[in-house]
Amino acid sequence: MAIDKTIKKKVIEDWQNAFPQLTMYAQNKLYKVVGSCVLGIELIKSPHTESYSPYFVLYPIWKKDIKASLDYPIFLRDFKNKKGYQYDIPYEKHSVFLGDVVDSIKSQTPLPFEGNISLKKIVAAIEDSSQKPPLSAAPNSYLQAVLQEAKLKIALFIGVTEAQSVLEQINKRNWDTNHFKACGVDVNEWLQGLQTTISNRDEFLKQIEANKQDKKISQLKSSELTA
């Protein structure tokens, strides 16, 4: 039996009240803009039961448009209960669990929902994500490279020097060329592309500004990304 729309509406409203620093983007999404990223909470319905799980999400906003940017997160992370299991909250009993879940999320969130966020904090959160399974099993895979590219682009929002520093670290890695090939990517072309992005920082910043003008994105609360 499908869950009544009024219950789902009440669920997202309760979450919005619990996290006033975030803005409702969709019926199950609460976001805010931080520099060149969107971060927040998504309430993802469980596939086989009438329940949902909250996830922390971080998205880029530098792709060709907002649809492409919000297509796939830089990373998403679930929140655990006291027993170490992912939260699975029945829609019908949502209000019984909410208080505990909200407190737990505030202590577990990889990045704070209030105030400005430093580049160092975002980089640390991405690094932390890269060292967790399943990514940790293949430290030089293309999937890891995608995270490192995101790190570079977030740094580029702050400045060329910061991005160049990330690129130096990327260049030192012994990337798994076969995995890149399996994903249809040439390592050297990818590295060259990163350098080109740094050289064209003005274009990169223009794209972010254009995406921030999107009607729904422009209505989100925002904070600064600081050096």
Protein backbone atom coordinates (compact mmCIF):
# COMPACT_ATOMS: atom_id res chain seq x y z
CA MET A 1 0.00 0.00 0.00
CA ALA A 2 1.40 3.37 -1.03
CA ILE A 3 1.99 5.91 1.68
CA ASP A 4 -0.43 8.82 1.74
CA LYS A 5 0.98 12.04 0.23
CA THR A 6 -0.03 14.01 3.33
CA ILE A 7 2.17 11.76 5.48
CA LYS A 8 5.16 12.31 3.15
CA LYS A 9 4.46 16.05 3.21
CA LYS A 10 4.44 16.02 7.01
CA VAL A 11 7.73 14.05 7.04
CA ILE A 12 9.62 16.59 4.90
CA GLU A 13 8.10 19.50 6.86
CA ASP A 14 9.31 17.96 10.13
CA TRP A 15 12.79 17.55 8.68
CA GLN A 16 12.74 21.12 7.39
CA ASN A 17 11.86 22.34 10.90
CA ALA A 18 14.65 20.22 12.39
CA PHE A 19 17.22 21.65 9.94
CA PRO A 20 16.18 25.26 9.28
CA GLN A 21 19.59 25.96 7.67
CA LEU A 22 18.49 23.83 4.71
CA THR A 23 15.80 24.63 2.13
CA MET A 24 13.28 22.20 0.68
CA TYR A 25 14.31 21.44 -2.92
CA ALA A 26 11.93 18.54 -3.55
CA GLN A 27 9.54 16.40 -1.52
CA ASN A 28 12.44 14.36 -0.15
CA LYS A 29 15.39 16.75 -0.52
CA LEU A 30 16.72 19.52 1.71
CA TYR A 31 19.69 21.45 0.33
CA LYS A 32 21.88 24.50 0.74
CA VAL A 33 24.54 26.05 -1.50
CA VAL A 34 28.13 26.25 -0.26
CA GLY A 35 30.47 27.88 -2.76
CA SER A 36 30.60 25.58 -5.78
CA CYS A 37 28.56 22.77 -4.19
CA VAL A 38 25.12 21.85 -2.94
CA LEU A 39 24.93 19.81 0.25
CA GLY A 40 22.11 18.55 2.40
CA ILE A 41 19.89 15.64 3.32
CA GLU A 42 17.91 13.30 1.09
CA LEU A 43 15.22 11.00 2.46
CA ILE A 44 15.47 7.95 0.23
CA LYS A 45 12.55 5.51 0.23
CA SER A 46 13.46 1.92 1.02
CA PRO A 47 12.79 -0.31 -2.01
CA HIS A 48 10.67 -2.99 -0.35
CA THR A 49 9.06 -1.33 2.66
CA GLU A 50 7.09 1.82 3.44
CA SER A 51 10.04 3.42 5.18
CA TYR A 52 12.91 5.77 4.33
CA SER A 53 16.55 6.37 5.19
CA PRO A 54 18.23 9.79 5.55
CA TYR A 55 21.47 10.37 3.62
CA PHE A 56 24.00 13.19 3.62
CA VAL A 57 24.68 14.34 0.04
CA LEU A 58 27.24 16.59 -1.63
CA TYR A 59 26.75 17.63 -5.27
CA PRO A 60 28.79 19.82 -7.66
CA ILE A 61 27.24 22.84 -9.35
CA TRP A 62 29.88 23.33 -12.05
CA LYS A 63 28.54 21.01 -14.75
CA LYS A 64 26.84 22.23 -17.96
CA ASP A 65 23.51 22.78 -16.16
CA ILE A 66 21.77 22.01 -12.88
CA LYS A 67 20.21 18.78 -14.17
CA ALA A 68 23.66 17.40 -15.02
CA SER A 69 25.14 18.71 -11.75
CA LEU A 70 22.50 17.10 -9.55
CA ASP A 71 22.44 13.87 -11.54
CA TYR A 72 25.02 12.14 -9.34
CA PRO A 73 26.51 13.19 -6.00
CA ILE A 74 30.22 13.67 -5.31
CA PHE A 75 29.42 11.41 -2.40
CA LEU A 76 26.47 10.28 -0.35
CA ARG A 77 26.60 8.77 3.10
CA ASP A 78 24.02 7.08 5.26
CA PHE A 79 23.59 7.69 8.98
CA LYS A 80 23.84 4.91 11.55
CA ASN A 81 21.79 4.16 14.63
CA LYS A 82 23.36 3.23 17.98
CA LYS A 83 23.74 -0.39 16.87
CA GLY A 84 25.68 0.67 13.77
CA TYR A 85 22.88 -0.05 11.30
CA GLN A 86 21.49 2.35 8.72
CA TYR A 87 18.35 4.15 9.86
CA ASP A 88 15.18 2.73 8.33
CA ILE A 89 12.28 4.89 9.47
CA PRO A 90 8.66 3.78 8.84
CA TYR A 91 6.66 6.69 7.38
CA GLU A 92 3.74 5.86 9.69
CA LYS A 93 5.91 6.02 12.83
CA HIS A 94 8.18 8.81 11.66
CA SER A 95 7.40 11.16 14.59
CA VAL A 96 8.38 8.50 17.15
CA PHE A 97 11.93 8.25 15.76
CA LEU A 98 12.60 11.77 14.50
CA GLY A 99 14.06 13.32 17.67
CA ASP A 100 16.70 10.62 18.11
CA VAL A 101 17.55 10.54 14.40
CA VAL A 102 18.03 14.31 14.19
CA ASP A 103 20.40 14.34 17.19
CA SER A 104 22.33 11.46 15.69
CA ILE A 105 22.63 13.19 12.30
CA LYS A 106 23.91 16.38 13.89
CA SER A 107 26.75 14.41 15.47
CA GLN A 108 27.50 12.28 12.38
CA THR A 109 27.21 14.71 9.48
CA PRO A 110 30.49 14.89 7.48
CA LEU A 111 30.01 18.65 7.01
CA PRO A 112 28.08 21.14 9.14
CA PHE A 113 24.76 22.47 7.88
CA GLU A 114 25.22 25.87 9.48
CA GLY A 115 27.76 28.58 8.85
CA ASN A 116 30.54 28.87 6.31
CA ILE A 117 32.67 25.83 5.47
CA SER A 118 36.41 25.82 4.85
CA LEU A 119 38.01 24.20 1.81
CA LYS A 120 40.05 22.10 4.25
CA LYS A 121 36.86 20.63 5.78
CA ILE A 122 35.34 19.70 2.42
CA VAL A 123 38.61 18.17 1.23
CA ALA A 124 38.84 16.14 4.46
CA ALA A 125 35.25 14.88 4.02
CA ILE A 126 35.97 13.79 0.42
CA GLU A 127 39.20 12.08 1.50
CA ASP A 128 37.34 10.30 4.27
CA SER A 129 34.74 9.11 1.76
CA SER A 130 37.47 7.84 -0.60
CA GLN A 131 38.91 5.65 2.16
CA LYS A 132 35.64 3.88 2.98
CA PRO A 133 34.36 0.73 1.22
CA PRO A 134 33.75 0.09 -1.61
CA LEU A 135 36.15 2.79 -2.88
CA SER A 136 38.91 1.84 -0.44
CA ALA A 137 39.25 -1.54 -2.19
CA ALA A 138 40.61 0.14 -5.33
CA PRO A 139 42.65 3.21 -4.32
CA ASN A 140 43.85 4.00 -7.87
CA SER A 141 40.66 3.29 -9.80
CA TYR A 142 38.85 5.75 -12.04
CA LEU A 143 36.11 6.02 -9.36
CA GLN A 144 38.74 7.38 -6.98
CA ALA A 145 39.93 9.72 -9.72
CA VAL A 146 36.42 11.17 -10.04
CA LEU A 147 36.51 12.09 -6.33
CA GLN A 148 39.97 13.65 -6.70
CA GLU A 149 38.71 15.66 -9.68
CA ALA A 150 35.84 16.97 -7.56
CA LYS A 151 38.35 17.95 -4.87
CA LEU A 152 40.40 19.86 -7.45
CA LYS A 153 37.35 21.70 -8.78
CA ILE A 154 36.19 22.69 -5.30
CA ALA A 155 39.71 24.02 -4.65
CA LEU A 156 39.63 25.89 -7.99
CA PHE A 157 36.59 27.82 -6.78
CA ILE A 158 38.92 29.29 -4.11
CA GLY A 159 41.90 29.85 -6.42
CA VAL A 160 44.39 28.54 -8.99
CA THR A 161 47.12 27.95 -6.39
CA GLU A 162 44.81 25.72 -4.31
CA ALA A 163 43.75 23.72 -7.39
CA GLN A 164 47.33 23.37 -8.64
CA SER A 165 48.31 21.94 -5.26
CA VAL A 166 45.59 19.24 -5.59
CA LEU A 167 46.72 18.51 -9.17
CA GLU A 168 50.28 17.93 -7.96
CA GLN A 169 48.97 15.23 -5.59
CA ILE A 170 46.86 13.71 -8.39
CA ASN A 171 49.91 13.58 -10.69
CA LYS A 172 51.87 11.64 -8.08
CA ARG A 173 49.31 8.82 -7.94
CA ASN A 174 50.00 5.54 -9.71
CA TRP A 175 46.61 5.41 -11.44
CA ASP A 176 45.20 2.09 -12.64
CA THR A 177 45.28 2.75 -16.40
CA ASN A 178 43.37 -0.46 -17.15
CA HIS A 179 40.47 0.58 -14.94
CA PHE A 180 40.42 4.00 -16.63
CA LYS A 181 40.34 2.24 -20.03
CA ALA A 182 37.47 0.00 -18.86
CA CYS A 183 35.57 3.21 -18.04
CA GLY A 184 36.43 4.64 -21.48
CA VAL A 185 38.92 7.20 -20.16
CA ASP A 186 42.56 7.82 -21.08
CA VAL A 187 44.60 8.75 -17.98
CA ASN A 188 46.84 11.24 -19.77
CA GLU A 189 43.92 12.98 -21.47
CA TRP A 190 42.13 13.15 -18.12
CA LEU A 191 45.18 14.74 -16.44
CA GLN A 192 45.57 17.20 -19.31
CA GLY A 193 41.87 18.08 -18.99
CA LEU A 194 42.34 18.96 -15.32
CA GLN A 195 45.19 21.32 -16.20
CA THR A 196 43.02 22.90 -18.92
CA THR A 197 40.19 23.43 -16.39
CA ILE A 198 42.60 25.23 -14.05
CA SER A 199 43.84 27.41 -16.93
CA ASN A 200 40.23 28.30 -17.80
CA ARG A 201 39.15 29.20 -14.27
CA ASP A 202 37.09 32.19 -15.47
CA GLU A 203 34.91 29.91 -17.63
CA PHE A 204 34.58 27.49 -14.73
CA LEU A 205 33.39 30.26 -12.37
CA LYS A 206 30.97 31.60 -15.01
CA GLN A 207 29.32 28.18 -15.29
CA ILE A 208 28.87 27.99 -11.51
CA GLU A 209 27.32 31.47 -11.45
CA ALA A 210 25.00 30.55 -14.33
CA ASN A 211 23.87 27.43 -12.46
CA LYS A 212 23.28 29.43 -9.29
CA GLN A 213 20.78 31.54 -11.25
CA ASP A 214 18.61 28.46 -11.79
CA LYS A 215 15.20 29.23 -10.30
CA LYS A 216 15.19 26.45 -7.70
CA ILE A 217 18.88 26.79 -6.79
CA SER A 218 18.61 30.57 -6.34
CA GLN A 219 15.96 30.01 -3.66
CA LEU A 220 18.23 27.85 -1.49
CA LYS A 221 19.94 29.25 1.59
CA SER A 222 23.68 29.58 1.09
CA SER A 223 26.99 29.84 2.92
CA GLU A 224 30.50 30.75 1.84
CA LEU A 225 33.25 28.31 0.97
CA THR A 226 36.30 29.78 2.67
CA ALA A 227 40.02 29.31 2.03
